């Protein structure tokens, strides 16, 4: 004759003294252990995903900074920009108007 498990037996733990639970306690412990490992693995994967997302954001920020600095450097090193800067500073250096001669 099977006896149904009631909510009260579950809450006070009396169902754990039943014969079928005693026979299967190793299986129950194995299942609980596997569930624990699954949860632990999920937390670890989530943490790794968060780190990867943060690193991608930092990389994108660094890429934008690089592009900005590169554009500024290109602008500052143009011949016309250098000439204008020299004139503003009152330098007597003049631009070379003769073509370059290759010496062999």
PDB file of N, CA and C in Angstrom:
ATOM      1  N   UNK A   1       0.834  -1.166   0.000  1.00  0.00           N
ATOM      2  CA  UNK A   1       0.000   0.000   0.000  1.00  0.00           C
ATOM      3  C   UNK A   1       0.887   1.239   0.000  1.00  0.00           C
ATOM      4  N   UNK A   2       0.698   2.071  -1.001  1.00  0.00           N
ATOM      5  CA  UNK A   2       1.504   3.279  -1.109  1.00  0.00           C
ATOM      6  C   UNK A   2       0.855   4.387  -0.303  1.00  0.00           C
ATOM      7  N   UNK A   3       1.709   5.119   0.354  1.00  0.00           N
ATOM      8  CA  UNK A   3       1.248   6.264   1.144  1.00  0.00           C
ATOM      9  C   UNK A   3       1.711   7.517   0.435  1.00  0.00           C
ATOM     10  N   UNK A   4       0.784   8.425   0.177  1.00  0.00           N
ATOM     11  CA  UNK A   4       1.127   9.660  -0.530  1.00  0.00           C
ATOM     12  C   UNK A   4       1.890  10.587   0.400  1.00  0.00           C
ATOM     13  N   UNK A   5       2.819  11.312  -0.207  1.00  0.00           N
ATOM     14  CA  UNK A   5       3.599  12.290   0.550  1.00  0.00           C
ATOM     15  C   UNK A   5       2.802  13.581   0.623  1.00  0.00           C
ATOM     16  N   UNK A   6       2.657  14.103   1.806  1.00  0.00           N
ATOM     17  CA  UNK A   6       1.920  15.350   1.985  1.00  0.00           C
ATOM     18  C   UNK A   6       2.894  16.515   2.077  1.00  0.00           C
ATOM     19  N   UNK A   7       2.354  17.701   1.927  1.00  0.00           N
ATOM     20  CA  UNK A   7       3.170  18.910   2.030  1.00  0.00           C
ATOM     21  C   UNK A   7       3.783  19.037   3.420  1.00  0.00           C
ATOM     22  N   UNK A   8       3.032  18.630   4.434  1.00  0.00           N
ATOM     23  CA  UNK A   8       3.538  18.716   5.806  1.00  0.00           C
ATOM     24  C   UNK A   8       4.738  17.791   5.994  1.00  0.00           C
ATOM     25  N   UNK A   9       4.706  16.596   5.408  1.00  0.00           N
ATOM     26  CA  UNK A   9       5.839  15.666   5.507  1.00  0.00           C
ATOM     27  C   UNK A   9       7.075  16.235   4.811  1.00  0.00           C
ATOM     28  N   UNK A  10       6.865  16.937   3.701  1.00  0.00           N
ATOM     29  CA  UNK A  10       7.994  17.533   2.979  1.00  0.00           C
ATOM     30  C   UNK A  10       8.601  18.653   3.804  1.00  0.00           C
ATOM     31  N   UNK A  11       7.743  19.505   4.363  1.00  0.00           N
ATOM     32  CA  UNK A  11       8.240  20.654   5.116  1.00  0.00           C
ATOM     33  C   UNK A  11       8.943  20.261   6.408  1.00  0.00           C
ATOM     34  N   UNK A  12       8.475  19.241   7.096  1.00  0.00           N
ATOM     35  CA  UNK A  12       9.143  18.875   8.346  1.00  0.00           C
ATOM     36  C   UNK A  12      10.211  17.798   8.147  1.00  0.00           C
ATOM     37  N   UNK A  13      10.364  17.267   6.923  1.00  0.00           N
ATOM     38  CA  UNK A  13      11.443  16.346   6.607  1.00  0.00           C
ATOM     39  C   UNK A  13      11.132  14.891   6.871  1.00  0.00           C
ATOM     40  N   UNK A  14       9.915  14.543   7.237  1.00  0.00           N
ATOM     41  CA  UNK A  14       9.562  13.152   7.527  1.00  0.00           C
ATOM     42  C   UNK A  14       9.653  12.249   6.297  1.00  0.00           C
ATOM     43  N   UNK A  15       9.496  12.808   5.105  1.00  0.00           N
ATOM     44  CA  UNK A  15       9.550  11.972   3.902  1.00  0.00           C
ATOM     45  C   UNK A  15      10.939  11.381   3.681  1.00  0.00           C
ATOM     46  N   UNK A  16      11.967  11.977   4.304  1.00  0.00           N
ATOM     47  CA  UNK A  16      13.329  11.468   4.128  1.00  0.00           C
ATOM     48  C   UNK A  16      13.553  10.144   4.853  1.00  0.00           C
ATOM     49  N   UNK A  17      12.677   9.777   5.754  1.00  0.00           N
ATOM     50  CA  UNK A  17      12.820   8.509   6.482  1.00  0.00           C
ATOM     51  C   UNK A  17      12.123   7.365   5.767  1.00  0.00           C
ATOM     52  N   UNK A  18      11.494   7.599   4.657  1.00  0.00           N
ATOM     53  CA  UNK A  18      10.806   6.542   3.906  1.00  0.00           C
ATOM     54  C   UNK A  18      11.839   5.580   3.313  1.00  0.00           C
ATOM     55  N   UNK A  19      11.427   4.370   3.095  1.00  0.00           N
ATOM     56  CA  UNK A  19      12.326   3.314   2.614  1.00  0.00           C
ATOM     57  C   UNK A  19      12.857   3.612   1.216  1.00  0.00           C
ATOM     58  N   UNK A  20      12.003   4.106   0.311  1.00  0.00           N
ATOM     59  CA  UNK A  20      12.463   4.336  -1.065  1.00  0.00           C
ATOM     60  C   UNK A  20      13.474   5.471  -1.116  1.00  0.00           C
ATOM     61  N   UNK A  21      13.381   6.452  -0.211  1.00  0.00           N
ATOM     62  CA  UNK A  21      14.361   7.545  -0.156  1.00  0.00           C
ATOM     63  C   UNK A  21      15.679   7.013   0.379  1.00  0.00           C
ATOM     64  N   UNK A  22      15.604   6.135   1.385  1.00  0.00           N
ATOM     65  CA  UNK A  22      16.826   5.546   1.957  1.00  0.00           C
ATOM     66  C   UNK A  22      17.574   4.712   0.917  1.00  0.00           C
ATOM     67  N   UNK A  23      16.832   4.030   0.051  1.00  0.00           N
ATOM     68  CA  UNK A  23      17.467   3.199  -0.980  1.00  0.00           C
ATOM     69  C   UNK A  23      18.138   4.054  -2.057  1.00  0.00           C
ATOM     70  N   UNK A  24      17.587   5.219  -2.315  1.00  0.00           N
ATOM     71  CA  UNK A  24      18.056   6.049  -3.423  1.00  0.00           C
ATOM     72  C   UNK A  24      18.887   7.253  -2.976  1.00  0.00           C
ATOM     73  N   UNK A  25      19.363   7.286  -1.748  1.00  0.00           N
ATOM     74  CA  UNK A  25      20.061   8.478  -1.270  1.00  0.00           C
ATOM     75  C   UNK A  25      21.331   8.780  -2.073  1.00  0.00           C
ATOM     76  N   UNK A  26      22.032   7.770  -2.551  1.00  0.00           N
ATOM     77  CA  UNK A  26      23.246   8.016  -3.351  1.00  0.00           C
ATOM     78  C   UNK A  26      22.892   8.704  -4.679  1.00  0.00           C
ATOM     79  N   UNK A  27      21.832   8.231  -5.304  1.00  0.00           N
ATOM     80  CA  UNK A  27      21.389   8.838  -6.554  1.00  0.00           C
ATOM     81  C   UNK A  27      20.947  10.281  -6.312  1.00  0.00           C
ATOM     82  N   UNK A  28      20.233  10.496  -5.216  1.00  0.00           N
ATOM     83  CA  UNK A  28      19.779  11.849  -4.880  1.00  0.00           C
ATOM     84  C   UNK A  28      20.972  12.767  -4.637  1.00  0.00           C
ATOM     85  N   UNK A  29      21.991  12.282  -3.923  1.00  0.00           N
ATOM     86  CA  UNK A  29      23.207  13.078  -3.695  1.00  0.00           C
ATOM     87  C   UNK A  29      23.941  13.361  -4.999  1.00  0.00           C
ATOM     88  N   UNK A  30      24.001  12.379  -5.888  1.00  0.00           N
ATOM     89  CA  UNK A  30      24.645  12.579  -7.187  1.00  0.00           C
ATOM     90  C   UNK A  30      23.914  13.649  -7.986  1.00  0.00           C
ATOM     91  N   UNK A  31      22.595  13.576  -8.014  1.00  0.00           N
ATOM     92  CA  UNK A  31      21.810  14.567  -8.752  1.00  0.00           C
ATOM     93  C   UNK A  31      22.012  15.955  -8.150  1.00  0.00           C
ATOM     94  N   UNK A  32      21.998  16.048  -6.826  1.00  0.00           N
ATOM     95  CA  UNK A  32      22.229  17.344  -6.162  1.00  0.00           C
ATOM     96  C   UNK A  32      23.626  17.881  -6.490  1.00  0.00           C
ATOM     97  N   UNK A  33      24.618  17.011  -6.506  1.00  0.00           N
ATOM     98  CA  UNK A  33      25.979  17.423  -6.852  1.00  0.00           C
ATOM     99  C   UNK A  33      26.079  17.927  -8.282  1.00  0.00           C
ATOM    100  N   UNK A  34      25.413  17.223  -9.194  1.00  0.00           N
ATOM    101  CA  UNK A  34      25.428  17.649 -10.591  1.00  0.00           C
ATOM    102  C   UNK A  34      24.710  18.984 -10.773  1.00  0.00           C
ATOM    103  N   UNK A  35      23.620  19.164 -10.058  1.00  0.00           N
ATOM    104  CA  UNK A  35      22.912  20.450 -10.119  1.00  0.00           C
ATOM    105  C   UNK A  35      23.807  21.562  -9.608  1.00  0.00           C
ATOM    106  N   UNK A  36      24.524  21.314  -8.516  1.00  0.00           N
ATOM    107  CA  UNK A  36      25.447  22.301  -7.964  1.00  0.00           C
ATOM    108  C   UNK A  36      26.540  22.652  -8.968  1.00  0.00           C
ATOM    109  N   UNK A  37      27.126  21.639  -9.615  1.00  0.00           N
ATOM    110  CA  UNK A  37      28.160  21.884 -10.617  1.00  0.00           C
ATOM    111  C   UNK A  37      27.617  22.661 -11.815  1.00  0.00           C
ATOM    112  N   UNK A  38      26.388  22.371 -12.203  1.00  0.00           N
ATOM    113  CA  UNK A  38      25.763  23.082 -13.319  1.00  0.00           C
ATOM    114  C   UNK A  38      25.594  24.565 -12.983  1.00  0.00           C
ATOM    115  N   UNK A  39      25.111  24.841 -11.781  1.00  0.00           N
ATOM    116  CA  UNK A  39      24.930  26.233 -11.355  1.00  0.00           C
ATOM    117  C   UNK A  39      26.273  26.939 -11.279  1.00  0.00           C
ATOM    118  N   UNK A  40      27.273  26.281 -10.713  1.00  0.00           N
ATOM    119  CA  UNK A  40      28.610  26.856 -10.610  1.00  0.00           C
ATOM    120  C   UNK A  40      29.184  27.157 -11.996  1.00  0.00           C
ATOM    121  N   UNK A  41      28.995  26.245 -12.928  1.00  0.00           N
ATOM    122  CA  UNK A  41      29.476  26.439 -14.294  1.00  0.00           C
ATOM    123  C   UNK A  41      28.774  27.618 -14.960  1.00  0.00           C
ATOM    124  N   UNK A  42      27.481  27.746 -14.724  1.00  0.00           N
ATOM    125  CA  UNK A  42      26.715  28.855 -15.298  1.00  0.00           C
ATOM    126  C   UNK A  42      27.217  30.199 -14.763  1.00  0.00           C
ATOM    127  N   UNK A  43      27.469  30.271 -13.453  1.00  0.00           N
ATOM    128  CA  UNK A  43      28.000  31.510 -12.872  1.00  0.00           C
ATOM    129  C   UNK A  43      29.368  31.846 -13.454  1.00  0.00           C
ATOM    130  N   UNK A  44      30.190  30.834 -13.613  1.00  0.00           N
ATOM    131  CA  UNK A  44      31.529  31.054 -14.170  1.00  0.00           C
ATOM    132  C   UNK A  44      31.441  31.548 -15.615  1.00  0.00           C
ATOM    133  N   UNK A  45      30.559  30.955 -16.405  1.00  0.00           N
ATOM    134  CA  UNK A  45      30.398  31.382 -17.797  1.00  0.00           C
ATOM    135  C   UNK A  45      29.864  32.808 -17.864  1.00  0.00           C
ATOM    136  N   UNK A  46      28.949  33.154 -16.981  1.00  0.00           N
ATOM    137  CA  UNK A  46      28.394  34.514 -16.965  1.00  0.00           C
ATOM    138  C   UNK A  46      29.476  35.533 -16.603  1.00  0.00           C
ATOM    139  N   UNK A  47      30.307  35.189 -15.621  1.00  0.00           N
ATOM    140  CA  UNK A  47      31.396  36.091 -15.229  1.00  0.00           C
ATOM    141  C   UNK A  47      32.386  36.276 -16.377  1.00  0.00           C
ATOM    142  N   UNK A  48      32.702  35.207 -17.071  1.00  0.00           N
ATOM    143  CA  UNK A  48      33.622  35.280 -18.208  1.00  0.00           C
ATOM    144  C   UNK A  48      33.008  36.113 -19.340  1.00  0.00           C
ATOM    145  N   UNK A  49      31.726  35.962 -19.574  1.00  0.00           N
ATOM    146  CA  UNK A  49      31.042  36.749 -20.593  1.00  0.00           C
ATOM    147  C   UNK A  49      31.074  38.238 -20.234  1.00  0.00           C
ATOM    148  N   UNK A  50      30.860  38.552 -18.966  1.00  0.00           N
ATOM    149  CA  UNK A  50      30.904  39.955 -18.529  1.00  0.00           C
ATOM    150  C   UNK A  50      32.294  40.549 -18.726  1.00  0.00           C
ATOM    151  N   UNK A  51      33.330  39.771 -18.403  1.00  0.00           N
ATOM    152  CA  UNK A  51      34.704  40.256 -18.608  1.00  0.00           C
ATOM    153  C   UNK A  51      34.984  40.492 -20.090  1.00  0.00           C
ATOM    154  N   UNK A  52      34.520  39.588 -20.936  1.00  0.00           N
ATOM    155  CA  UNK A  52      34.718  39.729 -22.381  1.00  0.00           C
ATOM    156  C   UNK A  52      34.000  40.968 -22.907  1.00  0.00           C
ATOM    157  N   UNK A  53      32.789  41.208 -22.439  1.00  0.00           N
ATOM    158  CA  UNK A  53      32.030  42.381 -22.864  1.00  0.00           C
ATOM    159  C   UNK A  53      32.747  43.660 -22.434  1.00  0.00           C
ATOM    160  N   UNK A  54      33.270  43.684 -21.204  1.00  0.00           N
ATOM    161  CA  UNK A  54      33.994  44.852 -20.707  1.00  0.00           C
ATOM    162  C   UNK A  54      35.265  45.087 -21.525  1.00  0.00           C
ATOM    163  N   UNK A  55      35.979  44.023 -21.848  1.00  0.00           N
ATOM    164  CA  UNK A  55      37.197  44.147 -22.646  1.00  0.00           C
ATOM    165  C   UNK A  55      36.877  44.669 -24.046  1.00  0.00           C
ATOM    166  N   UNK A  56      35.773  44.210 -24.629  1.00  0.00           N
ATOM    167  CA  UNK A  56      35.377  44.696 -25.951  1.00  0.00           C
ATOM    168  C   UNK A  56      35.057  46.192 -25.902  1.00  0.00           C
ATOM    169  N   UNK A  57      34.400  46.640 -24.828  1.00  0.00           N
ATOM    170  CA  UNK A  57      34.110  48.075 -24.691  1.00  0.00           C
ATOM    171  C   UNK A  57      35.406  48.881 -24.572  1.00  0.00           C
ATOM    172  N   UNK A  58      36.344  48.379 -23.766  1.00  0.00           N
ATOM    173  CA  UNK A  58      37.626  49.074 -23.612  1.00  0.00           C
ATOM    174  C   UNK A  58      38.383  49.130 -24.931  1.00  0.00           C
ATOM    175  N   UNK A  59      38.336  48.041 -25.694  1.00  0.00           N
ATOM    176  CA  UNK A  59      39.003  48.004 -26.999  1.00  0.00           C
ATOM    177  C   UNK A  59      38.379  49.011 -27.949  1.00  0.00           C
ATOM    178  N   UNK A  60      37.060  49.109 -27.947  1.00  0.00           N
ATOM    179  CA  UNK A  60      36.382  50.069 -28.817  1.00  0.00           C
ATOM    180  C   UNK A  60      36.743  51.496 -28.410  1.00  0.00           C
ATOM    181  N   UNK A  61      36.792  51.780 -27.111  1.00  0.00           N
ATOM    182  CA  UNK A  61      37.194  53.111 -26.643  1.00  0.00           C
ATOM    183  C   UNK A  61      38.623  53.432 -27.085  1.00  0.00           C
ATOM    184  N   UNK A  62      39.515  52.448 -26.948  1.00  0.00           N
ATOM    185  CA  UNK A  62      40.905  52.662 -27.351  1.00  0.00           C
ATOM    186  C   UNK A  62      40.999  52.903 -28.854  1.00  0.00           C
ATOM    187  N   UNK A  63      40.175  52.194 -29.621  1.00  0.00           N
ATOM    188  CA  UNK A  63      40.173  52.375 -31.083  1.00  0.00           C
ATOM    189  C   UNK A  63      39.729  53.794 -31.444  1.00  0.00           C
ATOM    190  N   UNK A  64      38.708  54.316 -30.761  1.00  0.00           N
ATOM    191  CA  UNK A  64      38.246  55.676 -31.031  1.00  0.00           C
ATOM    192  C   UNK A  64      39.318  56.699 -30.659  1.00  0.00           C
ATOM    193  N   UNK A  65      39.989  56.486 -29.545  1.00  0.00           N
ATOM    194  CA  UNK A  65      41.061  57.401 -29.138  1.00  0.00           C
ATOM    195  C   UNK A  65      42.181  57.380 -30.174  1.00  0.00           C
ATOM    196  N   UNK A  66      42.546  56.184 -30.646  1.00  0.00           N
ATOM    197  CA  UNK A  66      43.592  56.058 -31.664  1.00  0.00           C
ATOM    198  C   UNK A  66      43.204  56.820 -32.925  1.00  0.00           C
ATOM    199  N   UNK A  67      41.963  56.638 -33.379  1.00  0.00           N
ATOM    200  CA  UNK A  67      41.535  57.307 -34.604  1.00  0.00           C
ATOM    201  C   UNK A  67      41.560  58.823 -34.447  1.00  0.00           C
ATOM    202  N   UNK A  68      41.153  59.306 -33.288  1.00  0.00           N
ATOM    203  CA  UNK A  68      41.167  60.747 -33.047  1.00  0.00           C
ATOM    204  C   UNK A  68      42.591  61.292 -33.051  1.00  0.00           C
ATOM    205  N   UNK A  69      43.480  60.619 -32.323  1.00  0.00           N
ATOM    206  CA  UNK A  69      44.875  61.077 -32.263  1.00  0.00           C
ATOM    207  C   UNK A  69      45.552  60.982 -33.626  1.00  0.00           C
ATOM    208  N   UNK A  70      45.243  59.924 -34.374  1.00  0.00           N
ATOM    209  CA  UNK A  70      45.838  59.760 -35.697  1.00  0.00           C
ATOM    210  C   UNK A  70      45.395  60.892 -36.619  1.00  0.00           C
ATOM    211  N   UNK A  71      44.120  61.240 -36.577  1.00  0.00           N
ATOM    212  CA  UNK A  71      43.613  62.328 -37.424  1.00  0.00           C
ATOM    213  C   UNK A  71      44.271  63.657 -37.047  1.00  0.00           C
ATOM    214  N   UNK A  72      44.429  63.899 -35.752  1.00  0.00           N
ATOM    215  CA  UNK A  72      45.094  65.133 -35.310  1.00  0.00           C
ATOM    216  C   UNK A  72      46.544  65.169 -35.773  1.00  0.00           C
ATOM    217  N   UNK A  73      47.233  64.043 -35.670  1.00  0.00           N
ATOM    218  CA  UNK A  73      48.636  63.975 -36.089  1.00  0.00           C
ATOM    219  C   UNK A  73      48.770  64.209 -37.592  1.00  0.00           C
ATOM    220  N   UNK A  74      47.886  63.611 -38.378  1.00  0.00           N
ATOM    221  CA  UNK A  74      47.927  63.809 -39.832  1.00  0.00           C
ATOM    222  C   UNK A  74      47.708  65.280 -40.155  1.00  0.00           C
ATOM    223  N   UNK A  75      46.757  65.904 -39.470  1.00  0.00           N
ATOM    224  CA  UNK A  75      46.478  67.323 -39.707  1.00  0.00           C
ATOM    225  C   UNK A  75      47.685  68.191 -39.334  1.00  0.00           C
ATOM    226  N   UNK A  76      48.330  67.886 -38.234  1.00  0.00           N
ATOM    227  CA  UNK A  76      49.460  68.706 -37.774  1.00  0.00           C
ATOM    228  C   UNK A  76      50.701  68.522 -38.631  1.00  0.00           C
ATOM    229  N   UNK A  77      50.845  67.401 -39.292  1.00  0.00           N
ATOM    230  CA  UNK A  77      52.063  67.147 -40.069  1.00  0.00           C
ATOM    231  C   UNK A  77      51.902  67.450 -41.553  1.00  0.00           C
ATOM    232  N   UNK A  78      50.779  67.971 -41.962  1.00  0.00           N
ATOM    233  CA  UNK A  78      50.627  68.388 -43.359  1.00  0.00           C
ATOM    234  C   UNK A  78      51.538  69.580 -43.610  1.00  0.00           C
ATOM    235  N   UNK A  79      52.031  69.660 -44.823  1.00  0.00           N
ATOM    236  CA  UNK A  79      52.967  70.725 -45.177  1.00  0.00           C
ATOM    237  C   UNK A  79      52.325  72.091 -44.975  1.00  0.00           C
ATOM    238  N   UNK A  80      51.095  72.242 -45.372  1.00  0.00           N
ATOM    239  CA  UNK A  80      50.434  73.541 -45.237  1.00  0.00           C
ATOM    240  C   UNK A  80      50.261  73.905 -43.757  1.00  0.00           C
ATOM    241  N   UNK A  81      50.003  72.931 -42.949  1.00  0.00           N
ATOM    242  CA  UNK A  81      49.825  73.178 -41.518  1.00  0.00           C
ATOM    243  C   UNK A  81      51.159  73.566 -40.868  1.00  0.00           C
ATOM    244  N   UNK A  82      52.210  72.883 -41.274  1.00  0.00           N
ATOM    245  CA  UNK A  82      53.544  73.201 -40.732  1.00  0.00           C
ATOM    246  C   UNK A  82      53.947  74.605 -41.163  1.00  0.00           C
ATOM    247  N   UNK A  83      53.697  74.945 -42.421  1.00  0.00           N
ATOM    248  CA  UNK A  83      54.033  76.293 -42.912  1.00  0.00           C
ATOM    249  C   UNK A  83      53.268  77.361 -42.135  1.00  0.00           C
ATOM    250  N   UNK A  84      51.997  77.133 -41.906  1.00  0.00           N
ATOM    251  CA  UNK A  84      51.186  78.108 -41.169  1.00  0.00           C
ATOM    252  C   UNK A  84      51.694  78.265 -39.737  1.00  0.00           C
ATOM    253  N   UNK A  85      52.070  77.162 -39.108  1.00  0.00           N
ATOM    254  CA  UNK A  85      52.588  77.223 -37.740  1.00  0.00           C
ATOM    255  C   UNK A  85      53.895  77.992 -37.688  1.00  0.00           C
ATOM    256  N   UNK A  86      54.773  77.755 -38.664  1.00  0.00           N
ATOM    257  CA  UNK A  86      56.053  78.478 -38.704  1.00  0.00           C
ATOM    258  C   UNK A  86      55.828  79.979 -38.905  1.00  0.00           C
ATOM    259  N   UNK A  87      54.894  80.340 -39.789  1.00  0.00           N
ATOM    260  CA  UNK A  87      54.599  81.770 -39.998  1.00  0.00           C
ATOM    261  C   UNK A  87      54.042  82.408 -38.730  1.00  0.00           C
ATOM    262  N   UNK A  88      53.164  81.707 -38.040  1.00  0.00           N
ATOM    263  CA  UNK A  88      52.580  82.247 -36.805  1.00  0.00           C
ATOM    264  C   UNK A  88      53.651  82.501 -35.748  1.00  0.00           C
ATOM    265  N   UNK A  89      54.646  81.644 -35.713  1.00  0.00           N
ATOM    266  CA  UNK A  89      55.707  81.777 -34.711  1.00  0.00           C
ATOM    267  C   UNK A  89      56.805  82.737 -35.154  1.00  0.00           C
ATOM    268  N   UNK A  90      56.676  83.269 -36.347  1.00  0.00           N
ATOM    269  CA  UNK A  90      57.643  84.252 -36.836  1.00  0.00           C
ATOM    270  C   UNK A  90      58.966  83.650 -37.258  1.00  0.00           C
ATOM    271  N   UNK A  91      58.963  82.422 -37.695  1.00  0.00           N
ATOM    272  CA  UNK A  91      60.192  81.754 -38.115  1.00  0.00           C
ATOM    273  C   UNK A  91      60.601  82.254 -39.501  1.00  0.00           C
ATOM    274  N   UNK A  92      61.893  82.258 -39.742  1.00  0.00           N
ATOM    275  CA  UNK A  92      62.396  82.703 -41.035  1.00  0.00           C
ATOM    276  C   UNK A  92      62.583  81.534 -41.998  1.00  0.00           C
ATOM    277  N   UNK A  93      62.224  80.324 -41.580  1.00  0.00           N
ATOM    278  CA  UNK A  93      62.353  79.151 -42.438  1.00  0.00           C
ATOM    279  C   UNK A  93      61.312  79.257 -43.545  1.00  0.00           C
ATOM    280  N   UNK A  94      61.781  79.017 -44.796  1.00  0.00           N
ATOM    281  CA  UNK A  94      60.874  79.110 -45.938  1.00  0.00           C
ATOM    282  C   UNK A  94      60.739  77.748 -46.595  1.00  0.00           C
ATOM    283  N   UNK A  95      59.658  77.586 -47.290  1.00  0.00           N
ATOM    284  CA  UNK A  95      59.363  76.350 -47.978  1.00  0.00           C
ATOM    285  C   UNK A  95      60.271  76.198 -49.194  1.00  0.00           C
ATOM    286  N   UNK A  96      60.747  74.976 -49.439  1.00  0.00           N
ATOM    287  CA  UNK A  96      61.606  74.687 -50.581  1.00  0.00           C
ATOM    288  C   UNK A  96      60.739  74.644 -51.838  1.00  0.00           C
ATOM    289  N   UNK A  97      61.115  75.448 -52.831  1.00  0.00           N
ATOM    290  CA  UNK A  97      60.331  75.489 -54.067  1.00  0.00           C
ATOM    291  C   UNK A  97      61.011  74.731 -55.194  1.00  0.00           C
ATOM    292  N   UNK A  98      62.273  74.366 -55.013  1.00  0.00           N
ATOM    293  CA  UNK A  98      62.983  73.592 -56.022  1.00  0.00           C
ATOM    294  C   UNK A  98      62.723  72.117 -55.833  1.00  0.00           C
ATOM    295  N   UNK A  99      62.616  71.371 -56.932  1.00  0.00           N
ATOM    296  CA  UNK A  99      62.399  69.937 -56.800  1.00  0.00           C
ATOM    297  C   UNK A  99      63.637  69.242 -56.222  1.00  0.00           C
ATOM    298  N   UNK A 100      63.419  68.129 -55.601  1.00  0.00           N
ATOM    299  CA  UNK A 100      64.505  67.376 -54.975  1.00  0.00           C
ATOM    300  C   UNK A 100      65.335  66.713 -56.066  1.00  0.00           C
ATOM    301  N   UNK A 101      66.666  66.753 -55.882  1.00  0.00           N
ATOM    302  CA  UNK A 101      67.585  66.148 -56.841  1.00  0.00           C
ATOM    303  C   UNK A 101      68.069  64.834 -56.250  1.00  0.00           C
ATOM    304  N   UNK A 102      67.976  63.796 -57.041  1.00  0.00           N
ATOM    305  CA  UNK A 102      68.415  62.488 -56.572  1.00  0.00           C
ATOM    306  C   UNK A 102      69.891  62.314 -56.913  1.00  0.00           C
ATOM    307  N   UNK A 103      70.685  61.998 -55.913  1.00  0.00           N
ATOM    308  CA  UNK A 103      72.121  61.787 -56.107  1.00  0.00           C
ATOM    309  C   UNK A 103      72.378  60.291 -56.108  1.00  0.00           C
ATOM    310  N   UNK A 104      73.028  59.849 -57.166  1.00  0.00           N
ATOM    311  CA  UNK A 104      73.306  58.417 -57.276  1.00  0.00           C
ATOM    312  C   UNK A 104      74.760  58.103 -57.081  1.00  0.00           C
TER     313      UNK A 104
END
